[in-house]
Amino acid sequence: MKQISVLLASFSVVMCLVLSYFLIFTELMRDRLYGTNRQILVAILLFYCVFRIFRIYKLIKNKQNEPEV
């Protein structure tokens, strides 16, 4: 079950990084999302990526420390 959690969390990290990249370096949604709001969204996405990476690390670390049944 933890493998599925790691997989889904990794997928969400990749998707957040891809969306952040496109918001920073392309014209994606520039007509509707611009200025400070755009920068705040990118910052939130990057913060979420860091948080998810930390959670993945903790999940994998705890998985390795568990005794096998």
N, C-alpha and C. Protein backbone atom coordinates (compact mmCIF):
# COMPACT_ATOMS: atom_id res chain seq x y z
N MET A 1 0.81 -1.19 0.00
CA MET A 1 0.00 0.00 0.00
C MET A 1 0.86 1.26 0.00
N LYS A 2 2.00 1.19 0.70
CA LYS A 2 2.88 2.35 0.74
C LYS A 2 3.51 2.63 -0.62
N GLN A 3 3.67 1.58 -1.42
CA GLN A 3 4.23 1.78 -2.76
C GLN A 3 3.30 2.64 -3.61
N ILE A 4 2.01 2.43 -3.44
CA ILE A 4 1.04 3.23 -4.18
C ILE A 4 1.10 4.68 -3.72
N SER A 5 1.24 4.90 -2.42
CA SER A 5 1.36 6.26 -1.89
C SER A 5 2.59 6.96 -2.44
N VAL A 6 3.70 6.25 -2.49
CA VAL A 6 4.93 6.82 -3.02
C VAL A 6 4.76 7.14 -4.50
N LEU A 7 4.14 6.25 -5.24
CA LEU A 7 3.92 6.46 -6.66
C LEU A 7 3.03 7.68 -6.93
N LEU A 8 1.93 7.78 -6.21
CA LEU A 8 1.02 8.93 -6.40
C LEU A 8 1.67 10.24 -5.98
N ALA A 9 2.41 10.21 -4.89
CA ALA A 9 3.10 11.42 -4.44
C ALA A 9 4.16 11.84 -5.44
N SER A 10 4.87 10.88 -6.01
CA SER A 10 5.88 11.19 -7.03
C SER A 10 5.24 11.79 -8.27
N PHE A 11 4.11 11.24 -8.65
CA PHE A 11 3.38 11.77 -9.80
C PHE A 11 2.94 13.21 -9.55
N SER A 12 2.46 13.49 -8.34
CA SER A 12 2.02 14.86 -8.03
C SER A 12 3.20 15.83 -8.02
N VAL A 13 4.37 15.38 -7.58
CA VAL A 13 5.56 16.22 -7.61
C VAL A 13 5.94 16.55 -9.04
N VAL A 14 5.93 15.55 -9.90
CA VAL A 14 6.28 15.78 -11.30
C VAL A 14 5.28 16.73 -11.95
N MET A 15 4.00 16.55 -11.70
CA MET A 15 2.99 17.41 -12.30
C MET A 15 3.11 18.85 -11.81
N CYS A 16 3.39 19.04 -10.53
CA CYS A 16 3.57 20.40 -10.00
C CYS A 16 4.80 21.06 -10.61
N LEU A 17 5.87 20.31 -10.77
CA LEU A 17 7.07 20.86 -11.38
C LEU A 17 6.83 21.23 -12.84
N VAL A 18 6.11 20.39 -13.56
CA VAL A 18 5.81 20.67 -14.97
C VAL A 18 4.93 21.92 -15.09
N LEU A 19 3.90 22.02 -14.27
CA LEU A 19 3.03 23.19 -14.32
C LEU A 19 3.79 24.46 -13.94
N SER A 20 4.64 24.37 -12.92
CA SER A 20 5.45 25.52 -12.54
C SER A 20 6.36 25.96 -13.67
N TYR A 21 6.98 25.00 -14.33
CA TYR A 21 7.86 25.31 -15.46
C TYR A 21 7.09 26.04 -16.56
N PHE A 22 5.94 25.52 -16.91
CA PHE A 22 5.16 26.14 -17.97
C PHE A 22 4.65 27.52 -17.57
N LEU A 23 4.30 27.72 -16.32
CA LEU A 23 3.85 29.03 -15.88
C LEU A 23 5.00 30.05 -15.88
N ILE A 24 6.20 29.60 -15.59
CA ILE A 24 7.34 30.52 -15.54
C ILE A 24 7.85 30.85 -16.94
N PHE A 25 8.01 29.83 -17.79
CA PHE A 25 8.74 30.02 -19.04
C PHE A 25 7.89 30.07 -20.31
N THR A 26 6.59 29.95 -20.22
CA THR A 26 5.76 30.00 -21.42
C THR A 26 4.63 31.01 -21.23
N GLU A 27 3.81 31.14 -22.25
CA GLU A 27 2.67 32.06 -22.23
C GLU A 27 1.40 31.37 -21.74
N LEU A 28 1.51 30.23 -21.12
CA LEU A 28 0.36 29.46 -20.65
C LEU A 28 -0.50 30.30 -19.70
N MET A 29 -1.74 30.51 -20.05
CA MET A 29 -2.73 31.24 -19.24
C MET A 29 -2.30 32.66 -18.90
N ARG A 30 -1.45 33.26 -19.71
CA ARG A 30 -0.97 34.61 -19.40
C ARG A 30 -2.09 35.64 -19.47
N ASP A 31 -3.12 35.37 -20.28
CA ASP A 31 -4.23 36.32 -20.39
C ASP A 31 -5.14 36.30 -19.16
N ARG A 32 -5.21 35.18 -18.45
CA ARG A 32 -6.08 35.07 -17.29
C ARG A 32 -5.33 35.10 -15.96
N LEU A 33 -4.07 34.70 -15.98
CA LEU A 33 -3.29 34.61 -14.74
C LEU A 33 -2.00 35.38 -14.96
N TYR A 34 -1.88 36.55 -14.36
CA TYR A 34 -0.73 37.41 -14.63
C TYR A 34 -0.30 38.12 -13.35
N GLY A 35 0.89 38.67 -13.41
CA GLY A 35 1.39 39.49 -12.31
C GLY A 35 1.68 38.71 -11.04
N THR A 36 1.29 39.33 -9.94
CA THR A 36 1.58 38.76 -8.62
C THR A 36 0.85 37.44 -8.41
N ASN A 37 -0.36 37.32 -8.91
CA ASN A 37 -1.11 36.07 -8.74
C ASN A 37 -0.38 34.90 -9.37
N ARG A 38 0.21 35.12 -10.52
CA ARG A 38 0.96 34.08 -11.21
C ARG A 38 2.19 33.67 -10.39
N GLN A 39 2.89 34.65 -9.86
CA GLN A 39 4.08 34.37 -9.06
C GLN A 39 3.73 33.65 -7.76
N ILE A 40 2.62 34.02 -7.16
CA ILE A 40 2.17 33.36 -5.93
C ILE A 40 1.82 31.90 -6.22
N LEU A 41 1.12 31.65 -7.32
CA LEU A 41 0.77 30.28 -7.68
C LEU A 41 2.02 29.44 -7.91
N VAL A 42 3.00 29.98 -8.60
CA VAL A 42 4.25 29.25 -8.84
C VAL A 42 4.95 28.96 -7.51
N ALA A 43 4.99 29.93 -6.61
CA ALA A 43 5.62 29.74 -5.31
C ALA A 43 4.90 28.65 -4.51
N ILE A 44 3.57 28.66 -4.54
CA ILE A 44 2.80 27.64 -3.82
C ILE A 44 3.07 26.26 -4.42
N LEU A 45 3.09 26.15 -5.74
CA LEU A 45 3.36 24.86 -6.38
C LEU A 45 4.75 24.34 -6.02
N LEU A 46 5.74 25.22 -6.04
CA LEU A 46 7.11 24.79 -5.70
C LEU A 46 7.22 24.41 -4.22
N PHE A 47 6.55 25.16 -3.34
CA PHE A 47 6.54 24.80 -1.93
C PHE A 47 5.87 23.45 -1.72
N TYR A 48 4.78 23.21 -2.43
CA TYR A 48 4.09 21.92 -2.33
C TYR A 48 4.99 20.78 -2.80
N CYS A 49 5.78 21.02 -3.85
CA CYS A 49 6.71 20.01 -4.33
C CYS A 49 7.74 19.66 -3.27
N VAL A 50 8.28 20.67 -2.63
CA VAL A 50 9.27 20.44 -1.57
C VAL A 50 8.63 19.66 -0.43
N PHE A 51 7.42 20.03 -0.05
CA PHE A 51 6.70 19.33 1.01
C PHE A 51 6.45 17.87 0.65
N ARG A 52 6.01 17.60 -0.58
CA ARG A 52 5.74 16.22 -1.01
C ARG A 52 7.02 15.40 -1.08
N ILE A 53 8.12 16.02 -1.52
CA ILE A 53 9.40 15.31 -1.56
C ILE A 53 9.81 14.92 -0.14
N PHE A 54 9.64 15.83 0.81
CA PHE A 54 9.93 15.52 2.21
C PHE A 54 9.07 14.37 2.72
N ARG A 55 7.79 14.39 2.39
CA ARG A 55 6.89 13.32 2.82
C ARG A 55 7.25 11.97 2.18
N ILE A 56 7.64 12.00 0.91
CA ILE A 56 8.07 10.77 0.24
C ILE A 56 9.31 10.22 0.94
N TYR A 57 10.25 11.10 1.25
CA TYR A 57 11.47 10.68 1.93
C TYR A 57 11.15 10.03 3.27
N LYS A 58 10.26 10.66 4.06
CA LYS A 58 9.88 10.08 5.35
C LYS A 58 9.19 8.74 5.17
N LEU A 59 8.34 8.61 4.18
CA LEU A 59 7.62 7.37 3.94
C LEU A 59 8.58 6.24 3.57
N ILE A 60 9.53 6.54 2.70
CA ILE A 60 10.50 5.53 2.29
C ILE A 60 11.41 5.17 3.46
N LYS A 61 11.82 6.17 4.24
CA LYS A 61 12.69 5.92 5.39
C LYS A 61 11.99 5.04 6.41
N ASN A 62 10.72 5.33 6.70
CA ASN A 62 9.96 4.51 7.66
C ASN A 62 9.74 3.10 7.13
N LYS A 63 9.56 2.98 5.84
CA LYS A 63 9.35 1.67 5.23
C LYS A 63 10.60 0.80 5.39
N GLN A 64 11.78 1.40 5.26
CA GLN A 64 13.03 0.65 5.38
C GLN A 64 13.29 0.23 6.83
N ASN A 65 12.79 1.01 7.79
CA ASN A 65 13.04 0.72 9.21
C ASN A 65 12.08 -0.30 9.78
N GLU A 66 11.00 -0.61 9.10
CA GLU A 66 10.02 -1.57 9.59
C GLU A 66 10.54 -2.99 9.46
N PRO A 67 10.33 -3.80 10.47
CA PRO A 67 10.73 -5.21 10.34
C PRO A 67 9.78 -5.96 9.40
N GLU A 68 10.31 -6.90 8.66
CA GLU A 68 9.47 -7.67 7.75
C GLU A 68 8.65 -8.68 8.53
N VAL A 69 7.41 -8.87 8.10
CA VAL A 69 6.50 -9.79 8.80
C VAL A 69 6.38 -11.05 8.01
